[in-house]
């Protein structure tokens, strides 16, 4: 069976619970609902594992007019460290310069709050974070129809390729649900680990965020890619957002945000640097 024939058969079966894809030259059946359910569970597990790592982030924010002319640019370098087993993000530099005195005070205060967080407060915060993640994961299979369209190799890993479209009749629930009904995209799922290794989504219907102060326009796009750590954990590598938006429903701009993650180290590998940072925070608090 040729690749073209496989694509045609996959398209015909997209509306059913089973799809056919070529795997190692052999046509195999894929149970789409089971694949989606397993991939969501696997992706959630790896997202939770991320809290056990320290890492660096480079965030570049750009703003352009609708003709593409650059109006502003800002580059942040951040590091995320584990303080008492809790991830803490610290600004290292902005546009190549150290943080301002105001930014340093804000970080010192945030570190102090974290160090004095009670067990009850931490439990509540973690419960809220987990509830938000659960809401996202639970709504995805309800909000979208998944169509397996083939298999590709992404950064040396075989992946199922799924096209995702809003499900007719879906009733949005929660913050994410309202967004899901207005986007579609493509999802790449690792054939071995069943983790989402790449996501490419775009807005097909405008929607407002932030009390209607910003309205994202059709064509806005987000891409996420993950990388596999030495211990097998999948972690974010690159996230890029390009949003055409109306600010205050009047001014149209293009907002671009590109985040690159690197230097992942699992808990325990950087205990010395964590202690040094805590000591520096204590000295600043005592000034």
C-alpha atoms as a PDB file:
ATOM      1  CA  UNK A   1       0.000   0.000   0.000  1.00  0.00           C
ATOM      2  CA  UNK A   2       1.430   3.368  -1.045  1.00  0.00           C
ATOM      3  CA  UNK A   3       1.769   6.353   1.294  1.00  0.00           C
ATOM      4  CA  UNK A   4      -0.951   8.158  -0.653  1.00  0.00           C
ATOM      5  CA  UNK A   5      -3.333   5.208  -0.246  1.00  0.00           C
ATOM      6  CA  UNK A   6      -2.612   5.089   3.481  1.00  0.00           C
ATOM      7  CA  UNK A   7      -3.448   8.804   3.759  1.00  0.00           C
ATOM      8  CA  UNK A   8      -6.746   8.258   1.927  1.00  0.00           C
ATOM      9  CA  UNK A   9      -7.728   5.323   4.142  1.00  0.00           C
ATOM     10  CA  UNK A  10      -6.755   7.295   7.268  1.00  0.00           C
ATOM     11  CA  UNK A  11      -8.930  10.175   6.122  1.00  0.00           C
ATOM     12  CA  UNK A  12     -11.890   7.846   5.535  1.00  0.00           C
ATOM     13  CA  UNK A  13     -11.484   6.351   8.997  1.00  0.00           C
ATOM     14  CA  UNK A  14     -10.959   9.658  10.760  1.00  0.00           C
ATOM     15  CA  UNK A  15     -14.572   9.831  11.824  1.00  0.00           C
ATOM     16  CA  UNK A  16     -14.355   6.401  13.493  1.00  0.00           C
ATOM     17  CA  UNK A  17     -12.499   5.162  16.560  1.00  0.00           C
ATOM     18  CA  UNK A  18      -9.792   3.379  14.541  1.00  0.00           C
ATOM     19  CA  UNK A  19      -7.211   4.729  12.094  1.00  0.00           C
ATOM     20  CA  UNK A  20      -4.533   3.056   9.993  1.00  0.00           C
ATOM     21  CA  UNK A  21      -0.948   4.322   9.892  1.00  0.00           C
ATOM     22  CA  UNK A  22       2.314   3.012   8.495  1.00  0.00           C
ATOM     23  CA  UNK A  23       4.733   1.932  11.208  1.00  0.00           C
ATOM     24  CA  UNK A  24       8.124   0.529  10.184  1.00  0.00           C
ATOM     25  CA  UNK A  25       6.690  -0.102   6.717  1.00  0.00           C
ATOM     26  CA  UNK A  26       3.728  -2.022   8.102  1.00  0.00           C
ATOM     27  CA  UNK A  27       0.148  -0.744   8.174  1.00  0.00           C
ATOM     28  CA  UNK A  28      -1.209  -0.960  11.716  1.00  0.00           C
ATOM     29  CA  UNK A  29      -4.503   0.001  13.310  1.00  0.00           C
ATOM     30  CA  UNK A  30      -4.541   2.744  15.938  1.00  0.00           C
ATOM     31  CA  UNK A  31      -7.375   3.088  18.444  1.00  0.00           C
ATOM     32  CA  UNK A  32      -7.729   6.866  18.413  1.00  0.00           C
ATOM     33  CA  UNK A  33      -9.665   7.389  21.692  1.00  0.00           C
ATOM     34  CA  UNK A  34      -7.261   5.072  23.540  1.00  0.00           C
ATOM     35  CA  UNK A  35      -4.254   6.823  21.988  1.00  0.00           C
ATOM     36  CA  UNK A  36      -5.566  10.238  23.038  1.00  0.00           C
ATOM     37  CA  UNK A  37      -6.392   9.069  26.576  1.00  0.00           C
ATOM     38  CA  UNK A  38      -2.990   7.419  27.034  1.00  0.00           C
ATOM     39  CA  UNK A  39      -1.142  10.432  25.607  1.00  0.00           C
ATOM     40  CA  UNK A  40      -2.951  12.803  27.957  1.00  0.00           C
ATOM     41  CA  UNK A  41      -2.034  10.649  30.962  1.00  0.00           C
ATOM     42  CA  UNK A  42       1.604  10.358  29.861  1.00  0.00           C
ATOM     43  CA  UNK A  43       1.910  14.073  29.108  1.00  0.00           C
ATOM     44  CA  UNK A  44       0.442  14.981  32.483  1.00  0.00           C
ATOM     45  CA  UNK A  45       2.949  12.718  34.271  1.00  0.00           C
ATOM     46  CA  UNK A  46       5.868  14.365  32.511  1.00  0.00           C
ATOM     47  CA  UNK A  47       4.508  17.859  33.174  1.00  0.00           C
ATOM     48  CA  UNK A  48       4.432  17.006  36.868  1.00  0.00           C
ATOM     49  CA  UNK A  49       8.023  15.727  36.684  1.00  0.00           C
ATOM     50  CA  UNK A  50       9.127  19.154  35.477  1.00  0.00           C
ATOM     51  CA  UNK A  51       8.712  20.430  39.050  1.00  0.00           C
ATOM     52  CA  UNK A  52      11.728  18.295  39.997  1.00  0.00           C
ATOM     53  CA  UNK A  53      14.115  20.137  37.669  1.00  0.00           C
ATOM     54  CA  UNK A  54      16.106  23.339  37.661  1.00  0.00           C
ATOM     55  CA  UNK A  55      16.630  24.965  34.264  1.00  0.00           C
ATOM     56  CA  UNK A  56      17.272  28.195  32.367  1.00  0.00           C
ATOM     57  CA  UNK A  57      14.819  30.113  30.187  1.00  0.00           C
ATOM     58  CA  UNK A  58      15.373  32.764  27.558  1.00  0.00           C
ATOM     59  CA  UNK A  59      12.229  34.761  26.755  1.00  0.00           C
ATOM     60  CA  UNK A  60      12.139  37.187  23.855  1.00  0.00           C
ATOM     61  CA  UNK A  61       9.133  39.483  23.552  1.00  0.00           C
ATOM     62  CA  UNK A  62       8.552  41.455  20.367  1.00  0.00           C
ATOM     63  CA  UNK A  63       5.781  43.810  19.340  1.00  0.00           C
ATOM     64  CA  UNK A  64       5.135  44.730  15.720  1.00  0.00           C
ATOM     65  CA  UNK A  65       2.579  46.769  13.849  1.00  0.00           C
ATOM     66  CA  UNK A  66       0.261  44.993  11.407  1.00  0.00           C
ATOM     67  CA  UNK A  67       2.749  45.700   8.578  1.00  0.00           C
ATOM     68  CA  UNK A  68       5.443  43.735  10.421  1.00  0.00           C
ATOM     69  CA  UNK A  69       7.608  46.656  11.539  1.00  0.00           C
ATOM     70  CA  UNK A  70       9.315  46.016  14.893  1.00  0.00           C
ATOM     71  CA  UNK A  71       8.109  48.484  17.536  1.00  0.00           C
ATOM     72  CA  UNK A  72       9.650  47.066  20.708  1.00  0.00           C
ATOM     73  CA  UNK A  73      11.777  44.151  21.884  1.00  0.00           C
ATOM     74  CA  UNK A  74      12.618  42.783  25.317  1.00  0.00           C
ATOM     75  CA  UNK A  75      14.807  39.798  26.215  1.00  0.00           C
ATOM     76  CA  UNK A  76      14.739  38.142  29.637  1.00  0.00           C
ATOM     77  CA  UNK A  77      17.110  35.496  30.962  1.00  0.00           C
ATOM     78  CA  UNK A  78      15.695  33.511  33.865  1.00  0.00           C
ATOM     79  CA  UNK A  79      16.672  30.556  35.989  1.00  0.00           C
ATOM     80  CA  UNK A  80      14.327  28.218  37.819  1.00  0.00           C
ATOM     81  CA  UNK A  81      15.752  26.609  40.962  1.00  0.00           C
ATOM     82  CA  UNK A  82      14.344  24.343  43.640  1.00  0.00           C
ATOM     83  CA  UNK A  83      14.024  26.081  47.002  1.00  0.00           C
ATOM     84  CA  UNK A  84      12.913  23.601  49.659  1.00  0.00           C
ATOM     85  CA  UNK A  85      11.741  21.340  46.793  1.00  0.00           C
ATOM     86  CA  UNK A  86       9.617  24.140  45.295  1.00  0.00           C
ATOM     87  CA  UNK A  87      10.428  25.674  41.869  1.00  0.00           C
ATOM     88  CA  UNK A  88      11.417  29.344  42.162  1.00  0.00           C
ATOM     89  CA  UNK A  89      11.943  31.491  39.070  1.00  0.00           C
ATOM     90  CA  UNK A  90      14.569  34.221  39.247  1.00  0.00           C
ATOM     91  CA  UNK A  91      15.280  36.970  36.713  1.00  0.00           C
ATOM     92  CA  UNK A  92      19.002  36.922  35.863  1.00  0.00           C
ATOM     93  CA  UNK A  93      19.165  39.621  33.200  1.00  0.00           C
ATOM     94  CA  UNK A  94      16.981  41.870  31.081  1.00  0.00           C
ATOM     95  CA  UNK A  95      18.334  42.937  27.698  1.00  0.00           C
ATOM     96  CA  UNK A  96      21.819  41.886  28.803  1.00  0.00           C
ATOM     97  CA  UNK A  97      21.744  43.961  31.987  1.00  0.00           C
ATOM     98  CA  UNK A  98      21.338  42.813  35.626  1.00  0.00           C
ATOM     99  CA  UNK A  99      17.880  43.180  37.186  1.00  0.00           C
ATOM    100  CA  UNK A 100      17.008  46.643  38.453  1.00  0.00           C
ATOM    101  CA  UNK A 101      16.951  47.377  42.186  1.00  0.00           C
ATOM    102  CA  UNK A 102      13.153  47.236  42.069  1.00  0.00           C
ATOM    103  CA  UNK A 103      13.183  43.836  40.370  1.00  0.00           C
ATOM    104  CA  UNK A 104      15.713  42.518  42.880  1.00  0.00           C
ATOM    105  CA  UNK A 105      13.540  43.662  45.793  1.00  0.00           C
ATOM    106  CA  UNK A 106      10.535  41.978  44.245  1.00  0.00           C
ATOM    107  CA  UNK A 107      12.463  38.727  43.874  1.00  0.00           C
ATOM    108  CA  UNK A 108      13.807  38.906  47.426  1.00  0.00           C
ATOM    109  CA  UNK A 109      10.290  39.431  48.764  1.00  0.00           C
ATOM    110  CA  UNK A 110       8.965  36.520  46.724  1.00  0.00           C
ATOM    111  CA  UNK A 111      11.763  34.275  47.997  1.00  0.00           C
ATOM    112  CA  UNK A 112      11.048  35.347  51.572  1.00  0.00           C
ATOM    113  CA  UNK A 113       7.354  34.517  51.135  1.00  0.00           C
ATOM    114  CA  UNK A 114       8.237  31.095  49.774  1.00  0.00           C
ATOM    115  CA  UNK A 115      10.588  30.335  52.664  1.00  0.00           C
ATOM    116  CA  UNK A 116       7.903  31.283  55.187  1.00  0.00           C
ATOM    117  CA  UNK A 117       5.087  29.440  53.462  1.00  0.00           C
ATOM    118  CA  UNK A 118       3.262  27.193  55.927  1.00  0.00           C
ATOM    119  CA  UNK A 119       2.538  23.541  55.128  1.00  0.00           C
ATOM    120  CA  UNK A 120      -1.164  24.396  54.847  1.00  0.00           C
ATOM    121  CA  UNK A 121      -0.472  27.241  52.418  1.00  0.00           C
ATOM    122  CA  UNK A 122       1.775  25.040  50.302  1.00  0.00           C
ATOM    123  CA  UNK A 123      -0.804  22.270  50.233  1.00  0.00           C
ATOM    124  CA  UNK A 124      -3.486  24.702  49.108  1.00  0.00           C
ATOM    125  CA  UNK A 125      -1.276  26.192  46.403  1.00  0.00           C
ATOM    126  CA  UNK A 126      -0.327  22.782  45.052  1.00  0.00           C
ATOM    127  CA  UNK A 127      -3.982  21.727  45.131  1.00  0.00           C
ATOM    128  CA  UNK A 128      -4.921  24.765  43.039  1.00  0.00           C
ATOM    129  CA  UNK A 129      -2.085  24.137  40.578  1.00  0.00           C
ATOM    130  CA  UNK A 130      -3.062  20.479  40.198  1.00  0.00           C
ATOM    131  CA  UNK A 131      -6.720  21.415  39.761  1.00  0.00           C
ATOM    132  CA  UNK A 132      -5.826  23.792  36.915  1.00  0.00           C
ATOM    133  CA  UNK A 133      -3.753  21.121  35.175  1.00  0.00           C
ATOM    134  CA  UNK A 134      -6.505  18.539  35.681  1.00  0.00           C
ATOM    135  CA  UNK A 135      -9.073  20.926  34.205  1.00  0.00           C
ATOM    136  CA  UNK A 136      -6.911  21.377  31.111  1.00  0.00           C
ATOM    137  CA  UNK A 137      -6.328  17.637  30.666  1.00  0.00           C
ATOM    138  CA  UNK A 138      -9.958  16.661  31.274  1.00  0.00           C
ATOM    139  CA  UNK A 139     -11.404  19.174  28.821  1.00  0.00           C
ATOM    140  CA  UNK A 140      -9.168  18.309  25.861  1.00  0.00           C
ATOM    141  CA  UNK A 141     -10.859  15.005  24.834  1.00  0.00           C
ATOM    142  CA  UNK A 142     -14.281  16.613  25.302  1.00  0.00           C
ATOM    143  CA  UNK A 143     -13.497  19.743  23.316  1.00  0.00           C
ATOM    144  CA  UNK A 144     -11.804  18.292  20.234  1.00  0.00           C
ATOM    145  CA  UNK A 145     -12.149  15.666  17.544  1.00  0.00           C
ATOM    146  CA  UNK A 146      -8.848  13.874  16.869  1.00  0.00           C
ATOM    147  CA  UNK A 147      -7.996  12.569  13.403  1.00  0.00           C
ATOM    148  CA  UNK A 148      -4.869  10.483  12.849  1.00  0.00           C
ATOM    149  CA  UNK A 149      -3.420  11.601   9.509  1.00  0.00           C
ATOM    150  CA  UNK A 150      -0.128   9.730   9.444  1.00  0.00           C
ATOM    151  CA  UNK A 151       3.260   9.317  11.063  1.00  0.00           C
ATOM    152  CA  UNK A 152       6.379  11.509  10.922  1.00  0.00           C
ATOM    153  CA  UNK A 153       9.836  11.646  12.467  1.00  0.00           C
ATOM    154  CA  UNK A 154      10.372  14.643  14.803  1.00  0.00           C
ATOM    155  CA  UNK A 155      13.942  15.195  16.006  1.00  0.00           C
ATOM    156  CA  UNK A 156      14.736  11.546  15.433  1.00  0.00           C
ATOM    157  CA  UNK A 157      11.590  10.220  17.152  1.00  0.00           C
ATOM    158  CA  UNK A 158       8.710   8.492  15.375  1.00  0.00           C
ATOM    159  CA  UNK A 159       5.412  10.238  16.096  1.00  0.00           C
ATOM    160  CA  UNK A 160       1.736   9.845  15.278  1.00  0.00           C
ATOM    161  CA  UNK A 161       0.354  12.985  13.619  1.00  0.00           C
ATOM    162  CA  UNK A 162      -3.140  14.025  14.645  1.00  0.00           C
ATOM    163  CA  UNK A 163      -5.229  16.871  13.277  1.00  0.00           C
ATOM    164  CA  UNK A 164      -7.396  18.479  15.970  1.00  0.00           C
ATOM    165  CA  UNK A 165     -10.626  20.370  15.366  1.00  0.00           C
ATOM    166  CA  UNK A 166     -13.279  21.762  17.758  1.00  0.00           C
ATOM    167  CA  UNK A 167     -16.029  19.241  18.448  1.00  0.00           C
ATOM    168  CA  UNK A 168     -19.476  20.259  17.274  1.00  0.00           C
ATOM    169  CA  UNK A 169     -21.869  20.752  20.175  1.00  0.00           C
ATOM    170  CA  UNK A 170     -19.118  21.098  22.775  1.00  0.00           C
ATOM    171  CA  UNK A 171     -20.207  23.264  25.689  1.00  0.00           C
ATOM    172  CA  UNK A 172     -17.162  25.173  26.985  1.00  0.00           C
ATOM    173  CA  UNK A 173     -16.338  24.766  30.673  1.00  0.00           C
ATOM    174  CA  UNK A 174     -13.795  26.809  32.582  1.00  0.00           C
ATOM    175  CA  UNK A 175     -11.150  29.152  31.209  1.00  0.00           C
ATOM    176  CA  UNK A 176      -9.587  26.646  28.834  1.00  0.00           C
ATOM    177  CA  UNK A 177     -12.900  25.430  27.463  1.00  0.00           C
ATOM    178  CA  UNK A 178     -13.768  28.875  26.154  1.00  0.00           C
ATOM    179  CA  UNK A 179     -10.472  28.956  24.255  1.00  0.00           C
ATOM    180  CA  UNK A 180     -10.617  25.377  22.955  1.00  0.00           C
ATOM    181  CA  UNK A 181     -13.785  26.012  20.966  1.00  0.00           C
ATOM    182  CA  UNK A 182     -11.962  28.651  18.908  1.00  0.00           C
ATOM    183  CA  UNK A 183      -8.717  26.887  17.972  1.00  0.00           C
ATOM    184  CA  UNK A 184      -7.552  23.947  15.897  1.00  0.00           C
ATOM    185  CA  UNK A 185      -4.173  22.462  15.157  1.00  0.00           C
ATOM    186  CA  UNK A 186      -1.809  19.519  14.792  1.00  0.00           C
ATOM    187  CA  UNK A 187      -0.452  17.242  17.507  1.00  0.00           C
ATOM    188  CA  UNK A 188       2.571  14.939  17.331  1.00  0.00           C
ATOM    189  CA  UNK A 189       2.532  11.998  19.792  1.00  0.00           C
ATOM    190  CA  UNK A 190       5.661   9.908  20.393  1.00  0.00           C
ATOM    191  CA  UNK A 191       4.922   6.337  19.299  1.00  0.00           C
ATOM    192  CA  UNK A 192       6.921   4.832  22.180  1.00  0.00           C
ATOM    193  CA  UNK A 193       6.270   7.083  25.182  1.00  0.00           C
ATOM    194  CA  UNK A 194       2.914   8.475  23.951  1.00  0.00           C
ATOM    195  CA  UNK A 195       3.954  11.965  25.062  1.00  0.00           C
ATOM    196  CA  UNK A 196       3.033  15.110  23.140  1.00  0.00           C
ATOM    197  CA  UNK A 197       6.377  16.046  21.593  1.00  0.00           C
ATOM    198  CA  UNK A 198       5.053  18.878  19.432  1.00  0.00           C
ATOM    199  CA  UNK A 199       1.878  20.957  19.231  1.00  0.00           C
ATOM    200  CA  UNK A 200       0.970  23.512  16.584  1.00  0.00           C
ATOM    201  CA  UNK A 201      -2.280  25.401  17.139  1.00  0.00           C
ATOM    202  CA  UNK A 202      -3.905  28.447  15.611  1.00  0.00           C
ATOM    203  CA  UNK A 203      -6.947  30.607  16.259  1.00  0.00           C
ATOM    204  CA  UNK A 204      -9.850  30.078  13.847  1.00  0.00           C
ATOM    205  CA  UNK A 205     -12.290  32.407  15.601  1.00  0.00           C
ATOM    206  CA  UNK A 206     -11.407  35.629  17.499  1.00  0.00           C
ATOM    207  CA  UNK A 207     -11.815  35.650  21.275  1.00  0.00           C
ATOM    208  CA  UNK A 208     -11.173  38.092  24.110  1.00  0.00           C
ATOM    209  CA  UNK A 209      -8.979  37.669  27.177  1.00  0.00           C
ATOM    210  CA  UNK A 210      -8.177  39.826  30.182  1.00  0.00           C
ATOM    211  CA  UNK A 211     -11.610  41.326  30.789  1.00  0.00           C
ATOM    212  CA  UNK A 212     -11.940  42.027  27.038  1.00  0.00           C
ATOM    213  CA  UNK A 213      -8.886  44.331  27.027  1.00  0.00           C
ATOM    214  CA  UNK A 214      -7.153  42.111  24.471  1.00  0.00           C
ATOM    215  CA  UNK A 215      -8.863  40.325  21.594  1.00  0.00           C
ATOM    216  CA  UNK A 216      -6.884  37.630  19.775  1.00  0.00           C
ATOM    217  CA  UNK A 217      -7.568  37.596  16.062  1.00  0.00           C
ATOM    218  CA  UNK A 218      -7.897  34.755  13.600  1.00  0.00           C
ATOM    219  CA  UNK A 219      -4.514  33.389  12.522  1.00  0.00           C
ATOM    220  CA  UNK A 220      -2.797  33.797  15.885  1.00  0.00           C
ATOM    221  CA  UNK A 221      -0.530  30.796  16.396  1.00  0.00           C
ATOM    222  CA  UNK A 222       1.283  28.884  19.138  1.00  0.00           C
ATOM    223  CA  UNK A 223       3.908  26.147  18.716  1.00  0.00           C
ATOM    224  CA  UNK A 224       5.360  23.981  21.468  1.00  0.00           C
ATOM    225  CA  UNK A 225       8.171  21.432  21.192  1.00  0.00           C
ATOM    226  CA  UNK A 226       9.505  19.135  23.912  1.00  0.00           C
ATOM    227  CA  UNK A 227      12.856  17.464  24.433  1.00  0.00           C
ATOM    228  CA  UNK A 228      13.700  14.154  26.077  1.00  0.00           C
ATOM    229  CA  UNK A 229      16.051  14.362  29.059  1.00  0.00           C
ATOM    230  CA  UNK A 230      18.709  11.715  29.733  1.00  0.00           C
ATOM    231  CA  UNK A 231      16.444  10.056  32.310  1.00  0.00           C
ATOM    232  CA  UNK A 232      13.595   9.757  29.778  1.00  0.00           C
ATOM    233  CA  UNK A 233      11.495  12.670  31.043  1.00  0.00           C
ATOM    234  CA  UNK A 234       9.970  14.901  28.351  1.00  0.00           C
ATOM    235  CA  UNK A 235      10.376  18.608  29.080  1.00  0.00           C
ATOM    236  CA  UNK A 236       9.557  21.848  27.201  1.00  0.00           C
ATOM    237  CA  UNK A 237      12.285  22.921  24.779  1.00  0.00           C
ATOM    238  CA  UNK A 238      10.692  25.735  22.821  1.00  0.00           C
ATOM    239  CA  UNK A 239       7.391  27.626  22.889  1.00  0.00           C
ATOM    240  CA  UNK A 240       6.585  30.314  20.355  1.00  0.00           C
ATOM    241  CA  UNK A 241       3.482  32.478  20.275  1.00  0.00           C
ATOM    242  CA  UNK A 242       2.560  34.849  17.464  1.00  0.00           C
ATOM    243  CA  UNK A 243      -0.669  36.655  18.236  1.00  0.00           C
ATOM    244  CA  UNK A 244      -2.451  39.210  16.115  1.00  0.00           C
ATOM    245  CA  UNK A 245      -4.470  41.200  18.630  1.00  0.00           C
ATOM    246  CA  UNK A 246      -6.509  44.292  19.271  1.00  0.00           C
ATOM    247  CA  UNK A 247      -5.494  46.186  22.413  1.00  0.00           C
ATOM    248  CA  UNK A 248      -8.434  47.851  24.183  1.00  0.00           C
ATOM    249  CA  UNK A 249     -10.365  46.738  21.082  1.00  0.00           C
ATOM    250  CA  UNK A 250      -8.834  49.659  19.162  1.00  0.00           C
ATOM    251  CA  UNK A 251      -5.152  49.281  18.266  1.00  0.00           C
ATOM    252  CA  UNK A 252      -4.124  46.255  16.174  1.00  0.00           C
ATOM    253  CA  UNK A 253      -0.671  44.808  16.877  1.00  0.00           C
ATOM    254  CA  UNK A 254       1.288  41.598  16.476  1.00  0.00           C
ATOM    255  CA  UNK A 255       2.684  40.222  19.738  1.00  0.00           C
ATOM    256  CA  UNK A 256       5.444  37.611  19.544  1.00  0.00           C
ATOM    257  CA  UNK A 257       6.814  35.668  22.516  1.00  0.00           C
ATOM    258  CA  UNK A 258       9.524  33.057  22.120  1.00  0.00           C
ATOM    259  CA  UNK A 259      10.644  30.952  25.097  1.00  0.00           C
ATOM    260  CA  UNK A 260      13.646  28.616  24.910  1.00  0.00           C
ATOM    261  CA  UNK A 261      14.443  26.207  27.766  1.00  0.00           C
ATOM    262  CA  UNK A 262      17.842  24.643  28.454  1.00  0.00           C
ATOM    263  CA  UNK A 263      20.168  23.265  31.126  1.00  0.00           C
ATOM    264  CA  UNK A 264      17.693  20.886  32.748  1.00  0.00           C
ATOM    265  CA  UNK A 265      19.048  19.291  35.940  1.00  0.00           C
ATOM    266  CA  UNK A 266      17.067  17.000  38.179  1.00  0.00           C
ATOM    267  CA  UNK A 267      16.716  17.734  41.910  1.00  0.00           C
ATOM    268  CA  UNK A 268      19.903  17.132  43.864  1.00  0.00           C
ATOM    269  CA  UNK A 269      22.236  17.966  40.989  1.00  0.00           C
ATOM    270  CA  UNK A 270      22.368  21.646  41.925  1.00  0.00           C
ATOM    271  CA  UNK A 271      21.941  21.576  45.699  1.00  0.00           C
ATOM    272  CA  UNK A 272      25.050  23.709  46.216  1.00  0.00           C
ATOM    273  CA  UNK A 273      23.864  26.497  43.907  1.00  0.00           C
ATOM    274  CA  UNK A 274      20.443  26.433  45.564  1.00  0.00           C
ATOM    275  CA  UNK A 275      21.991  26.889  49.000  1.00  0.00           C
ATOM    276  CA  UNK A 276      24.133  29.726  47.657  1.00  0.00           C
ATOM    277  CA  UNK A 277      21.082  31.506  46.248  1.00  0.00           C
ATOM    278  CA  UNK A 278      19.188  31.141  49.516  1.00  0.00           C
ATOM    279  CA  UNK A 279      22.200  32.557  51.383  1.00  0.00           C
ATOM    280  CA  UNK A 280      22.312  35.525  49.000  1.00  0.00           C
ATOM    281  CA  UNK A 281      18.601  36.110  49.617  1.00  0.00           C
ATOM    282  CA  UNK A 282      19.156  36.074  53.363  1.00  0.00           C
ATOM    283  CA  UNK A 283      21.930  38.642  53.065  1.00  0.00           C
ATOM    284  CA  UNK A 284      19.740  40.960  50.994  1.00  0.00           C
ATOM    285  CA  UNK A 285      16.913  40.629  53.524  1.00  0.00           C
ATOM    286  CA  UNK A 286      19.293  41.670  56.281  1.00  0.00           C
ATOM    287  CA  UNK A 287      20.560  44.773  54.509  1.00  0.00           C
END
